[in-house]
């Protein structure tokens, strides 16, 4: 397991320990589980750094950020802020879908397929 993967898992575990198994924003309740948090961190934090700065620098940047988000297995204030904002953004997207009369499960599945094809 790479250092990034270890930190991603530590961050997800620390966030669950600190925040519990549910996040609520805009009347959207988001169930939290270790596997989905790991996936969200990989997709929204690690992948964003790789996309922005390329493979080598992106990995270094992601590693640095993760090290500031979870310190000795404990969620840092930065980690709490970034994770809360990531979850707020997801809930806001779901709220918008609901307000538009769309089924979030259908929309998210469609988005996942679209990303896989890129």
PDB file of N, CA and C in Angstrom:
ATOM      1  N   UNK A   1       0.860  -1.186   0.000  1.00  0.00           N
ATOM      2  CA  UNK A   1       0.000   0.000   0.000  1.00  0.00           C
ATOM      3  C   UNK A   1       0.898   1.238   0.000  1.00  0.00           C
ATOM      4  N   UNK A   2       0.584   2.194  -0.843  1.00  0.00           N
ATOM      5  CA  UNK A   2       1.395   3.406  -0.930  1.00  0.00           C
ATOM      6  C   UNK A   2       1.121   4.324   0.258  1.00  0.00           C
ATOM      7  N   UNK A   3       2.033   5.269   0.445  1.00  0.00           N
ATOM      8  CA  UNK A   3       1.840   6.258   1.512  1.00  0.00           C
ATOM      9  C   UNK A   3       0.532   7.023   1.318  1.00  0.00           C
ATOM     10  N   UNK A   4       0.219   7.347   0.073  1.00  0.00           N
ATOM     11  CA  UNK A   4      -1.034   8.073  -0.200  1.00  0.00           C
ATOM     12  C   UNK A   4      -2.228   7.225   0.216  1.00  0.00           C
ATOM     13  N   UNK A   5      -2.239   5.965  -0.169  1.00  0.00           N
ATOM     14  CA  UNK A   5      -3.366   5.096   0.187  1.00  0.00           C
ATOM     15  C   UNK A   5      -3.510   4.947   1.697  1.00  0.00           C
ATOM     16  N   UNK A   6      -2.391   4.834   2.394  1.00  0.00           N
ATOM     17  CA  UNK A   6      -2.435   4.728   3.857  1.00  0.00           C
ATOM     18  C   UNK A   6      -3.039   5.988   4.470  1.00  0.00           C
ATOM     19  N   UNK A   7      -2.604   7.140   3.986  1.00  0.00           N
ATOM     20  CA  UNK A   7      -3.127   8.402   4.512  1.00  0.00           C
ATOM     21  C   UNK A   7      -4.598   8.598   4.160  1.00  0.00           C
ATOM     22  N   UNK A   8      -4.988   8.193   2.965  1.00  0.00           N
ATOM     23  CA  UNK A   8      -6.394   8.291   2.568  1.00  0.00           C
ATOM     24  C   UNK A   8      -7.251   7.463   3.525  1.00  0.00           C
ATOM     25  N   UNK A   9      -6.819   6.246   3.808  1.00  0.00           N
ATOM     26  CA  UNK A   9      -7.580   5.400   4.720  1.00  0.00           C
ATOM     27  C   UNK A   9      -7.593   5.978   6.136  1.00  0.00           C
ATOM     28  N   UNK A  10      -6.453   6.489   6.595  1.00  0.00           N
ATOM     29  CA  UNK A  10      -6.403   7.112   7.917  1.00  0.00           C
ATOM     30  C   UNK A  10      -7.327   8.323   7.995  1.00  0.00           C
ATOM     31  N   UNK A  11      -7.340   9.118   6.939  1.00  0.00           N
ATOM     32  CA  UNK A  11      -8.199  10.294   6.900  1.00  0.00           C
ATOM     33  C   UNK A  11      -9.671   9.890   6.960  1.00  0.00           C
ATOM     34  N   UNK A  12     -10.041   8.912   6.170  1.00  0.00           N
ATOM     35  CA  UNK A  12     -11.430   8.443   6.169  1.00  0.00           C
ATOM     36  C   UNK A  12     -11.824   7.916   7.550  1.00  0.00           C
ATOM     37  N   UNK A  13     -10.957   7.129   8.161  1.00  0.00           N
ATOM     38  CA  UNK A  13     -11.247   6.593   9.493  1.00  0.00           C
ATOM     39  C   UNK A  13     -11.340   7.705  10.528  1.00  0.00           C
ATOM     40  N   UNK A  14     -10.420   8.658  10.469  1.00  0.00           N
ATOM     41  CA  UNK A  14     -10.432   9.766  11.424  1.00  0.00           C
ATOM     42  C   UNK A  14     -11.689  10.617  11.256  1.00  0.00           C
ATOM     43  N   UNK A  15     -12.102  10.836  10.015  1.00  0.00           N
ATOM     44  CA  UNK A  15     -13.310  11.628   9.763  1.00  0.00           C
ATOM     45  C   UNK A  15     -14.540  10.914  10.316  1.00  0.00           C
ATOM     46  N   UNK A  16     -14.639   9.619  10.077  1.00  0.00           N
ATOM     47  CA  UNK A  16     -15.763   8.856  10.622  1.00  0.00           C
ATOM     48  C   UNK A  16     -15.765   8.894  12.146  1.00  0.00           C
ATOM     49  N   UNK A  17     -14.598   8.781  12.748  1.00  0.00           N
ATOM     50  CA  UNK A  17     -14.498   8.822  14.213  1.00  0.00           C
ATOM     51  C   UNK A  17     -14.947  10.165  14.759  1.00  0.00           C
ATOM     52  N   UNK A  18     -14.579  11.218  14.050  1.00  0.00           N
ATOM     53  CA  UNK A  18     -14.888  12.578  14.499  1.00  0.00           C
ATOM     54  C   UNK A  18     -16.333  12.979  14.193  1.00  0.00           C
ATOM     55  N   UNK A  19     -16.817  12.648  13.001  1.00  0.00           N
ATOM     56  CA  UNK A  19     -18.107  13.155  12.542  1.00  0.00           C
ATOM     57  C   UNK A  19     -19.250  12.150  12.615  1.00  0.00           C
ATOM     58  N   UNK A  20     -18.936  10.879  12.721  1.00  0.00           N
ATOM     59  CA  UNK A  20     -19.992   9.873  12.765  1.00  0.00           C
ATOM     60  C   UNK A  20     -20.337   9.343  11.387  1.00  0.00           C
ATOM     61  N   UNK A  21     -21.417   8.592  11.314  1.00  0.00           N
ATOM     62  CA  UNK A  21     -21.749   7.873  10.082  1.00  0.00           C
ATOM     63  C   UNK A  21     -22.789   8.569   9.208  1.00  0.00           C
ATOM     64  N   UNK A  22     -23.044   9.849   9.479  1.00  0.00           N
ATOM     65  CA  UNK A  22     -24.012  10.583   8.659  1.00  0.00           C
ATOM     66  C   UNK A  22     -23.622  12.063   8.609  1.00  0.00           C
ATOM     67  N   UNK A  23     -23.776  12.650   7.444  1.00  0.00           N
ATOM     68  CA  UNK A  23     -23.514  14.069   7.242  1.00  0.00           C
ATOM     69  C   UNK A  23     -24.784  14.679   6.651  1.00  0.00           C
ATOM     70  N   UNK A  24     -25.240  15.783   7.221  1.00  0.00           N
ATOM     71  CA  UNK A  24     -26.463  16.417   6.741  1.00  0.00           C
ATOM     72  C   UNK A  24     -26.178  17.863   6.349  1.00  0.00           C
ATOM     73  N   UNK A  25     -26.649  18.234   5.158  1.00  0.00           N
ATOM     74  CA  UNK A  25     -26.521  19.606   4.656  1.00  0.00           C
ATOM     75  C   UNK A  25     -27.663  19.836   3.676  1.00  0.00           C
ATOM     76  N   UNK A  26     -28.322  20.984   3.782  1.00  0.00           N
ATOM     77  CA  UNK A  26     -29.439  21.341   2.904  1.00  0.00           C
ATOM     78  C   UNK A  26     -30.537  20.282   2.914  1.00  0.00           C
ATOM     79  N   UNK A  27     -30.788  19.724   4.082  1.00  0.00           N
ATOM     80  CA  UNK A  27     -31.792  18.668   4.258  1.00  0.00           C
ATOM     81  C   UNK A  27     -31.485  17.407   3.452  1.00  0.00           C
ATOM     82  N   UNK A  28     -30.249  17.228   3.063  1.00  0.00           N
ATOM     83  CA  UNK A  28     -29.809  15.998   2.408  1.00  0.00           C
ATOM     84  C   UNK A  28     -28.950  15.250   3.424  1.00  0.00           C
ATOM     85  N   UNK A  29     -29.351  14.016   3.726  1.00  0.00           N
ATOM     86  CA  UNK A  29     -28.581  13.192   4.642  1.00  0.00           C
ATOM     87  C   UNK A  29     -27.704  12.248   3.843  1.00  0.00           C
ATOM     88  N   UNK A  30     -26.410  12.366   4.063  1.00  0.00           N
ATOM     89  CA  UNK A  30     -25.422  11.563   3.353  1.00  0.00           C
ATOM     90  C   UNK A  30     -24.873  10.514   4.304  1.00  0.00           C
ATOM     91  N   UNK A  31     -25.166   9.235   4.062  1.00  0.00           N
ATOM     92  CA  UNK A  31     -24.578   8.203   4.916  1.00  0.00           C
ATOM     93  C   UNK A  31     -23.080   8.112   4.634  1.00  0.00           C
ATOM     94  N   UNK A  32     -22.303   7.978   5.689  1.00  0.00           N
ATOM     95  CA  UNK A  32     -20.851   7.899   5.552  1.00  0.00           C
ATOM     96  C   UNK A  32     -20.381   6.497   5.923  1.00  0.00           C
ATOM     97  N   UNK A  33     -19.526   5.950   5.096  1.00  0.00           N
ATOM     98  CA  UNK A  33     -18.925   4.642   5.344  1.00  0.00           C
ATOM     99  C   UNK A  33     -17.472   4.703   4.890  1.00  0.00           C
ATOM    100  N   UNK A  34     -16.649   3.864   5.464  1.00  0.00           N
ATOM    101  CA  UNK A  34     -15.218   3.895   5.174  1.00  0.00           C
ATOM    102  C   UNK A  34     -14.933   3.767   3.681  1.00  0.00           C
ATOM    103  N   UNK A  35     -15.548   2.792   3.022  1.00  0.00           N
ATOM    104  CA  UNK A  35     -15.249   2.560   1.607  1.00  0.00           C
ATOM    105  C   UNK A  35     -15.659   3.733   0.718  1.00  0.00           C
ATOM    106  N   UNK A  36     -16.807   4.340   0.998  1.00  0.00           N
ATOM    107  CA  UNK A  36     -17.238   5.465   0.168  1.00  0.00           C
ATOM    108  C   UNK A  36     -16.413   6.723   0.455  1.00  0.00           C
ATOM    109  N   UNK A  37     -15.999   6.908   1.702  1.00  0.00           N
ATOM    110  CA  UNK A  37     -15.136   8.055   2.009  1.00  0.00           C
ATOM    111  C   UNK A  37     -13.769   7.904   1.345  1.00  0.00           C
ATOM    112  N   UNK A  38     -13.227   6.695   1.365  1.00  0.00           N
ATOM    113  CA  UNK A  38     -11.942   6.451   0.697  1.00  0.00           C
ATOM    114  C   UNK A  38     -12.062   6.790  -0.790  1.00  0.00           C
ATOM    115  N   UNK A  39     -13.115   6.326  -1.410  1.00  0.00           N
ATOM    116  CA  UNK A  39     -13.340   6.601  -2.836  1.00  0.00           C
ATOM    117  C   UNK A  39     -13.493   8.099  -3.084  1.00  0.00           C
ATOM    118  N   UNK A  40     -14.248   8.791  -2.231  1.00  0.00           N
ATOM    119  CA  UNK A  40     -14.446  10.234  -2.387  1.00  0.00           C
ATOM    120  C   UNK A  40     -13.130  10.986  -2.229  1.00  0.00           C
ATOM    121  N   UNK A  41     -12.311  10.603  -1.267  1.00  0.00           N
ATOM    122  CA  UNK A  41     -11.017  11.266  -1.059  1.00  0.00           C
ATOM    123  C   UNK A  41     -10.110  11.019  -2.259  1.00  0.00           C
ATOM    124  N   UNK A  42     -10.077   9.780  -2.747  1.00  0.00           N
ATOM    125  CA  UNK A  42      -9.255   9.463  -3.926  1.00  0.00           C
ATOM    126  C   UNK A  42      -9.707  10.284  -5.141  1.00  0.00           C
ATOM    127  N   UNK A  43     -11.027  10.381  -5.339  1.00  0.00           N
ATOM    128  CA  UNK A  43     -11.558  11.068  -6.517  1.00  0.00           C
ATOM    129  C   UNK A  43     -11.481  12.584  -6.411  1.00  0.00           C
ATOM    130  N   UNK A  44     -11.736  13.128  -5.231  1.00  0.00           N
ATOM    131  CA  UNK A  44     -11.855  14.580  -5.095  1.00  0.00           C
ATOM    132  C   UNK A  44     -10.599  15.277  -4.602  1.00  0.00           C
ATOM    133  N   UNK A  45      -9.708  14.577  -3.962  1.00  0.00           N
ATOM    134  CA  UNK A  45      -8.492  15.210  -3.444  1.00  0.00           C
ATOM    135  C   UNK A  45      -7.273  14.716  -4.209  1.00  0.00           C
ATOM    136  N   UNK A  46      -7.030  13.406  -4.169  1.00  0.00           N
ATOM    137  CA  UNK A  46      -5.836  12.864  -4.822  1.00  0.00           C
ATOM    138  C   UNK A  46      -5.913  13.077  -6.332  1.00  0.00           C
ATOM    139  N   UNK A  47      -7.009  12.686  -6.945  1.00  0.00           N
ATOM    140  CA  UNK A  47      -7.140  12.824  -8.406  1.00  0.00           C
ATOM    141  C   UNK A  47      -7.079  14.281  -8.841  1.00  0.00           C
ATOM    142  N   UNK A  48      -7.625  15.176  -8.024  1.00  0.00           N
ATOM    143  CA  UNK A  48      -7.574  16.602  -8.372  1.00  0.00           C
ATOM    144  C   UNK A  48      -6.134  17.105  -8.431  1.00  0.00           C
ATOM    145  N   UNK A  49      -5.313  16.671  -7.494  1.00  0.00           N
ATOM    146  CA  UNK A  49      -3.895  17.070  -7.515  1.00  0.00           C
ATOM    147  C   UNK A  49      -3.175  16.472  -8.723  1.00  0.00           C
ATOM    148  N   UNK A  50      -3.455  15.215  -9.018  1.00  0.00           N
ATOM    149  CA  UNK A  50      -2.822  14.577 -10.174  1.00  0.00           C
ATOM    150  C   UNK A  50      -3.224  15.273 -11.466  1.00  0.00           C
ATOM    151  N   UNK A  51      -4.497  15.602 -11.563  1.00  0.00           N
ATOM    152  CA  UNK A  51      -5.014  16.275 -12.759  1.00  0.00           C
ATOM    153  C   UNK A  51      -4.415  17.673 -12.906  1.00  0.00           C
ATOM    154  N   UNK A  52      -4.280  18.354 -11.791  1.00  0.00           N
ATOM    155  CA  UNK A  52      -3.808  19.734 -11.803  1.00  0.00           C
ATOM    156  C   UNK A  52      -2.303  19.839 -12.044  1.00  0.00           C
ATOM    157  N   UNK A  53      -1.522  18.951 -11.435  1.00  0.00           N
ATOM    158  CA  UNK A  53      -0.071  19.129 -11.457  1.00  0.00           C
ATOM    159  C   UNK A  53       0.685  18.003 -12.148  1.00  0.00           C
ATOM    160  N   UNK A  54      -0.013  17.029 -12.671  1.00  0.00           N
ATOM    161  CA  UNK A  54       0.672  15.912 -13.311  1.00  0.00           C
ATOM    162  C   UNK A  54       1.038  14.838 -12.303  1.00  0.00           C
ATOM    163  N   UNK A  55       1.557  13.729 -12.816  1.00  0.00           N
ATOM    164  CA  UNK A  55       1.804  12.548 -11.988  1.00  0.00           C
ATOM    165  C   UNK A  55       2.772  12.810 -10.831  1.00  0.00           C
ATOM    166  N   UNK A  56       3.969  13.241 -11.136  1.00  0.00           N
ATOM    167  CA  UNK A  56       4.987  13.362 -10.084  1.00  0.00           C
ATOM    168  C   UNK A  56       4.662  14.473  -9.084  1.00  0.00           C
ATOM    169  N   UNK A  57       4.436  15.677  -9.581  1.00  0.00           N
ATOM    170  CA  UNK A  57       4.147  16.800  -8.680  1.00  0.00           C
ATOM    171  C   UNK A  57       2.792  16.622  -8.009  1.00  0.00           C
ATOM    172  N   UNK A  58       1.823  16.077  -8.726  1.00  0.00           N
ATOM    173  CA  UNK A  58       0.498  15.841  -8.166  1.00  0.00           C
ATOM    174  C   UNK A  58       0.539  14.870  -6.996  1.00  0.00           C
ATOM    175  N   UNK A  59       1.334  13.806  -7.127  1.00  0.00           N
ATOM    176  CA  UNK A  59       1.476  12.848  -6.020  1.00  0.00           C
ATOM    177  C   UNK A  59       2.118  13.528  -4.812  1.00  0.00           C
ATOM    178  N   UNK A  60       3.134  14.325  -5.060  1.00  0.00           N
ATOM    179  CA  UNK A  60       3.801  15.035  -3.960  1.00  0.00           C
ATOM    180  C   UNK A  60       2.841  16.013  -3.288  1.00  0.00           C
ATOM    181  N   UNK A  61       2.081  16.736  -4.095  1.00  0.00           N
ATOM    182  CA  UNK A  61       1.110  17.699  -3.547  1.00  0.00           C
ATOM    183  C   UNK A  61       0.011  16.995  -2.754  1.00  0.00           C
ATOM    184  N   UNK A  62      -0.508  15.891  -3.296  1.00  0.00           N
ATOM    185  CA  UNK A  62      -1.557  15.139  -2.612  1.00  0.00           C
ATOM    186  C   UNK A  62      -1.040  14.584  -1.285  1.00  0.00           C
ATOM    187  N   UNK A  63       0.170  14.059  -1.305  1.00  0.00           N
ATOM    188  CA  UNK A  63       0.773  13.520  -0.091  1.00  0.00           C
ATOM    189  C   UNK A  63       0.934  14.601   0.967  1.00  0.00           C
ATOM    190  N   UNK A  64       1.390  15.760   0.565  1.00  0.00           N
ATOM    191  CA  UNK A  64       1.556  16.877   1.495  1.00  0.00           C
ATOM    192  C   UNK A  64       0.207  17.302   2.080  1.00  0.00           C
ATOM    193  N   UNK A  65      -0.783  17.423   1.235  1.00  0.00           N
ATOM    194  CA  UNK A  65      -2.095  17.842   1.723  1.00  0.00           C
ATOM    195  C   UNK A  65      -2.672  16.817   2.689  1.00  0.00           C
ATOM    196  N   UNK A  66      -2.595  15.540   2.329  1.00  0.00           N
ATOM    197  CA  UNK A  66      -3.115  14.490   3.197  1.00  0.00           C
ATOM    198  C   UNK A  66      -2.398  14.483   4.546  1.00  0.00           C
ATOM    199  N   UNK A  67      -1.094  14.728   4.529  1.00  0.00           N
ATOM    200  CA  UNK A  67      -0.333  14.771   5.788  1.00  0.00           C
ATOM    201  C   UNK A  67      -0.776  15.924   6.683  1.00  0.00           C
ATOM    202  N   UNK A  68      -1.302  16.967   6.092  1.00  0.00           N
ATOM    203  CA  UNK A  68      -1.824  18.090   6.874  1.00  0.00           C
ATOM    204  C   UNK A  68      -3.275  17.870   7.302  1.00  0.00           C
ATOM    205  N   UNK A  69      -3.966  16.948   6.637  1.00  0.00           N
ATOM    206  CA  UNK A  69      -5.375  16.699   6.949  1.00  0.00           C
ATOM    207  C   UNK A  69      -5.562  15.675   8.066  1.00  0.00           C
ATOM    208  N   UNK A  70      -4.625  14.747   8.176  1.00  0.00           N
ATOM    209  CA  UNK A  70      -4.668  13.736   9.231  1.00  0.00           C
ATOM    210  C   UNK A  70      -3.264  13.611   9.810  1.00  0.00           C
ATOM    211  N   UNK A  71      -3.155  13.845  11.110  1.00  0.00           N
ATOM    212  CA  UNK A  71      -1.857  13.846  11.779  1.00  0.00           C
ATOM    213  C   UNK A  71      -1.885  12.782  12.872  1.00  0.00           C
ATOM    214  N   UNK A  72      -1.014  11.794  12.726  1.00  0.00           N
ATOM    215  CA  UNK A  72      -0.971  10.679  13.685  1.00  0.00           C
ATOM    216  C   UNK A  72      -2.345  10.032  13.864  1.00  0.00           C
ATOM    217  N   UNK A  73      -3.066   9.876  12.764  1.00  0.00           N
ATOM    218  CA  UNK A  73      -4.372   9.230  12.796  1.00  0.00           C
ATOM    219  C   UNK A  73      -5.507  10.097  13.305  1.00  0.00           C
ATOM    220  N   UNK A  74      -5.214  11.379  13.576  1.00  0.00           N
ATOM    221  CA  UNK A  74      -6.223  12.300  14.110  1.00  0.00           C
ATOM    222  C   UNK A  74      -6.565  13.340  13.051  1.00  0.00           C
ATOM    223  N   UNK A  75      -7.847  13.600  12.882  1.00  0.00           N
ATOM    224  CA  UNK A  75      -8.319  14.594  11.927  1.00  0.00           C
ATOM    225  C   UNK A  75      -7.869  15.981  12.362  1.00  0.00           C
ATOM    226  N   UNK A  76      -7.188  16.692  11.485  1.00  0.00           N
ATOM    227  CA  UNK A  76      -6.748  18.056  11.791  1.00  0.00           C
ATOM    228  C   UNK A  76      -7.880  19.036  11.480  1.00  0.00           C
ATOM    229  N   UNK A  77      -7.780  20.270  11.953  1.00  0.00           N
ATOM    230  CA  UNK A  77      -8.791  21.272  11.577  1.00  0.00           C
ATOM    231  C   UNK A  77      -8.892  21.438  10.059  1.00  0.00           C
ATOM    232  N   UNK A  78      -7.749  21.404   9.366  1.00  0.00           N
ATOM    233  CA  UNK A  78      -7.778  21.483   7.901  1.00  0.00           C
ATOM    234  C   UNK A  78      -8.509  20.283   7.319  1.00  0.00           C
ATOM    235  N   UNK A  79      -8.216  19.095   7.832  1.00  0.00           N
ATOM    236  CA  UNK A  79      -8.877  17.886   7.354  1.00  0.00           C
ATOM    237  C   UNK A  79     -10.378  17.959   7.551  1.00  0.00           C
ATOM    238  N   UNK A  80     -10.804  18.424   8.719  1.00  0.00           N
ATOM    239  CA  UNK A  80     -12.236  18.558   8.994  1.00  0.00           C
ATOM    240  C   UNK A  80     -12.876  19.546   8.027  1.00  0.00           C
ATOM    241  N   UNK A  81     -12.218  20.676   7.803  1.00  0.00           N
ATOM    242  CA  UNK A  81     -12.750  21.700   6.905  1.00  0.00           C
ATOM    243  C   UNK A  81     -12.875  21.179   5.475  1.00  0.00           C
ATOM    244  N   UNK A  82     -11.817  20.575   4.964  1.00  0.00           N
ATOM    245  CA  UNK A  82     -11.832  20.091   3.577  1.00  0.00           C
ATOM    246  C   UNK A  82     -12.874  18.987   3.399  1.00  0.00           C
ATOM    247  N   UNK A  83     -12.918  18.052   4.326  1.00  0.00           N
ATOM    248  CA  UNK A  83     -13.884  16.953   4.220  1.00  0.00           C
ATOM    249  C   UNK A  83     -15.319  17.466   4.353  1.00  0.00           C
ATOM    250  N   UNK A  84     -15.547  18.384   5.299  1.00  0.00           N
ATOM    251  CA  UNK A  84     -16.890  18.956   5.435  1.00  0.00           C
ATOM    252  C   UNK A  84     -17.304  19.689   4.161  1.00  0.00           C
ATOM    253  N   UNK A  85     -16.398  20.445   3.579  1.00  0.00           N
ATOM    254  CA  UNK A  85     -16.719  21.182   2.357  1.00  0.00           C
ATOM    255  C   UNK A  85     -16.969  20.242   1.180  1.00  0.00           C
ATOM    256  N   UNK A  86     -16.198  19.157   1.107  1.00  0.00           N
ATOM    257  CA  UNK A  86     -16.408  18.159   0.062  1.00  0.00           C
ATOM    258  C   UNK A  86     -17.807  17.556   0.200  1.00  0.00           C
ATOM    259  N   UNK A  87     -18.192  17.220   1.422  1.00  0.00           N
ATOM    260  CA  UNK A  87     -19.518  16.644   1.648  1.00  0.00           C
ATOM    261  C   UNK A  87     -20.630  17.668   1.440  1.00  0.00           C
ATOM    262  N   UNK A  88     -20.387  18.913   1.811  1.00  0.00           N
ATOM    263  CA  UNK A  88     -21.372  19.981   1.549  1.00  0.00           C
ATOM    264  C   UNK A  88     -21.609  20.128   0.048  1.00  0.00           C
ATOM    265  N   UNK A  89     -20.543  20.106  -0.726  1.00  0.00           N
ATOM    266  CA  UNK A  89     -20.668  20.243  -2.181  1.00  0.00           C
ATOM    267  C   UNK A  89     -21.476  19.086  -2.768  1.00  0.00           C
ATOM    268  N   UNK A  90     -21.217  17.881  -2.288  1.00  0.00           N
ATOM    269  CA  UNK A  90     -21.967  16.725  -2.776  1.00  0.00           C
ATOM    270  C   UNK A  90     -23.447  16.864  -2.430  1.00  0.00           C
ATOM    271  N   UNK A  91     -23.730  17.238  -1.182  1.00  0.00           N
ATOM    272  CA  UNK A  91     -25.129  17.420  -0.762  1.00  0.00           C
ATOM    273  C   UNK A  91     -25.805  18.528  -1.570  1.00  0.00           C
ATOM    274  N   UNK A  92     -25.064  19.601  -1.876  1.00  0.00           N
ATOM    275  CA  UNK A  92     -25.634  20.690  -2.675  1.00  0.00           C
ATOM    276  C   UNK A  92     -25.971  20.201  -4.076  1.00  0.00           C
ATOM    277  N   UNK A  93     -25.129  19.355  -4.651  1.00  0.00           N
ATOM    278  CA  UNK A  93     -25.423  18.785  -5.966  1.00  0.00           C
ATOM    279  C   UNK A  93     -26.686  17.925  -5.916  1.00  0.00           C
ATOM    280  N   UNK A  94     -26.785  17.100  -4.878  1.00  0.00           N
ATOM    281  CA  UNK A  94     -27.969  16.252  -4.723  1.00  0.00           C
ATOM    282  C   UNK A  94     -29.218  17.115  -4.518  1.00  0.00           C
ATOM    283  N   UNK A  95     -29.110  18.159  -3.701  1.00  0.00           N
ATOM    284  CA  UNK A  95     -30.255  19.053  -3.464  1.00  0.00           C
ATOM    285  C   UNK A  95     -30.711  19.680  -4.768  1.00  0.00           C
ATOM    286  N   UNK A  96     -29.753  20.111  -5.609  1.00  0.00           N
ATOM    287  CA  UNK A  96     -30.112  20.717  -6.888  1.00  0.00           C
ATOM    288  C   UNK A  96     -30.839  19.705  -7.771  1.00  0.00           C
ATOM    289  N   UNK A  97     -30.360  18.467  -7.807  1.00  0.00           N
ATOM    290  CA  UNK A  97     -31.030  17.430  -8.596  1.00  0.00           C
ATOM    291  C   UNK A  97     -32.462  17.241  -8.107  1.00  0.00           C
ATOM    292  N   UNK A  98     -32.618  17.161  -6.793  1.00  0.00           N
ATOM    293  CA  UNK A  98     -33.959  16.981  -6.226  1.00  0.00           C
ATOM    294  C   UNK A  98     -34.857  18.165  -6.565  1.00  0.00           C
ATOM    295  N   UNK A  99     -34.325  19.369  -6.470  1.00  0.00           N
ATOM    296  CA  UNK A  99     -35.099  20.568  -6.778  1.00  0.00           C
ATOM    297  C   UNK A  99     -35.519  20.609  -8.247  1.00  0.00           C
ATOM    298  N   UNK A 100     -34.717  20.000  -9.101  1.00  0.00           N
ATOM    299  CA  UNK A 100     -35.022  19.946 -10.532  1.00  0.00           C
ATOM    300  C   UNK A 100     -35.894  18.742 -10.880  1.00  0.00           C
ATOM    301  N   UNK A 101     -36.273  17.965  -9.871  1.00  0.00           N
ATOM    302  CA  UNK A 101     -37.122  16.804 -10.104  1.00  0.00           C
ATOM    303  C   UNK A 101     -36.391  15.602 -10.665  1.00  0.00           C
ATOM    304  N   UNK A 102     -35.084  15.593 -10.535  1.00  0.00           N
ATOM    305  CA  UNK A 102     -34.278  14.479 -11.053  1.00  0.00           C
ATOM    306  C   UNK A 102     -34.038  13.458  -9.943  1.00  0.00           C
ATOM    307  N   UNK A 103     -33.794  12.228 -10.354  1.00  0.00           N
ATOM    308  CA  UNK A 103     -33.452  11.156  -9.420  1.00  0.00           C
ATOM    309  C   UNK A 103     -31.936  11.158  -9.240  1.00  0.00           C
ATOM    310  N   UNK A 104     -31.444  11.497  -8.044  1.00  0.00           N
ATOM    311  CA  UNK A 104     -29.992  11.559  -7.836  1.00  0.00           C
ATOM    312  C   UNK A 104     -29.276  10.250  -8.149  1.00  0.00           C
ATOM    313  N   UNK A 105     -29.897   9.117  -7.880  1.00  0.00           N
ATOM    314  CA  UNK A 105     -29.240   7.828  -8.164  1.00  0.00           C
ATOM    315  C   UNK A 105     -29.029   7.646  -9.670  1.00  0.00           C
ATOM    316  N   UNK A 106     -30.017   8.020 -10.454  1.00  0.00           N
ATOM    317  CA  UNK A 106     -29.904   7.922 -11.912  1.00  0.00           C
ATOM    318  C   UNK A 106     -28.845   8.906 -12.413  1.00  0.00           C
ATOM    319  N   UNK A 107     -28.890  10.124 -11.915  1.00  0.00           N
ATOM    320  CA  UNK A 107     -27.947  11.154 -12.345  1.00  0.00           C
ATOM    321  C   UNK A 107     -26.513  10.781 -11.978  1.00  0.00           C
ATOM    322  N   UNK A 108     -26.299  10.280 -10.784  1.00  0.00           N
ATOM    323  CA  UNK A 108     -24.958   9.905 -10.341  1.00  0.00           C
ATOM    324  C   UNK A 108     -24.428   8.706 -11.122  1.00  0.00           C
ATOM    325  N   UNK A 109     -25.298   7.756 -11.417  1.00  0.00           N
ATOM    326  CA  UNK A 109     -24.886   6.604 -12.231  1.00  0.00           C
ATOM    327  C   UNK A 109     -24.500   7.051 -13.630  1.00  0.00           C
ATOM    328  N   UNK A 110     -25.262   7.974 -14.185  1.00  0.00           N
ATOM    329  CA  UNK A 110     -24.969   8.503 -15.504  1.00  0.00           C
ATOM    330  C   UNK A 110     -23.629   9.250 -15.517  1.00  0.00           C
ATOM    331  N   UNK A 111     -23.393  10.045 -14.474  1.00  0.00           N
ATOM    332  CA  UNK A 111     -22.127  10.779 -14.353  1.00  0.00           C
ATOM    333  C   UNK A 111     -20.951   9.815 -14.220  1.00  0.00           C
ATOM    334  N   UNK A 112     -21.139   8.764 -13.476  1.00  0.00           N
ATOM    335  CA  UNK A 112     -20.089   7.756 -13.295  1.00  0.00           C
ATOM    336  C   UNK A 112     -19.746   7.095 -14.627  1.00  0.00           C
ATOM    337  N   UNK A 113     -20.757   6.752 -15.417  1.00  0.00           N
ATOM    338  CA  UNK A 113     -20.546   6.154 -16.734  1.00  0.00           C
ATOM    339  C   UNK A 113     -19.801   7.128 -17.644  1.00  0.00           C
ATOM    340  N   UNK A 114     -20.220   8.398 -17.602  1.00  0.00           N
ATOM    341  CA  UNK A 114     -19.593   9.408 -18.458  1.00  0.00           C
ATOM    342  C   UNK A 114     -18.110   9.546 -18.119  1.00  0.00           C
ATOM    343  N   UNK A 115     -17.780   9.570 -16.848  1.00  0.00           N
ATOM    344  CA  UNK A 115     -16.381   9.695 -16.427  1.00  0.00           C
ATOM    345  C   UNK A 115     -15.566   8.472 -16.824  1.00  0.00           C
ATOM    346  N   UNK A 116     -16.168   7.301 -16.731  1.00  0.00           N
ATOM    347  CA  UNK A 116     -15.478   6.066 -17.082  1.00  0.00           C
ATOM    348  C   UNK A 116     -15.130   6.025 -18.554  1.00  0.00           C
ATOM    349  N   UNK A 117     -15.953   6.672 -19.376  1.00  0.00           N
ATOM    350  CA  UNK A 117     -15.735   6.663 -20.827  1.00  0.00           C
ATOM    351  C   UNK A 117     -14.705   7.689 -21.276  1.00  0.00           C
ATOM    352  N   UNK A 118     -14.323   8.606 -20.396  1.00  0.00           N
ATOM    353  CA  UNK A 118     -13.366   9.658 -20.777  1.00  0.00           C
ATOM    354  C   UNK A 118     -11.959   9.127 -20.813  1.00  0.00           C
TER     355      UNK A 118
END
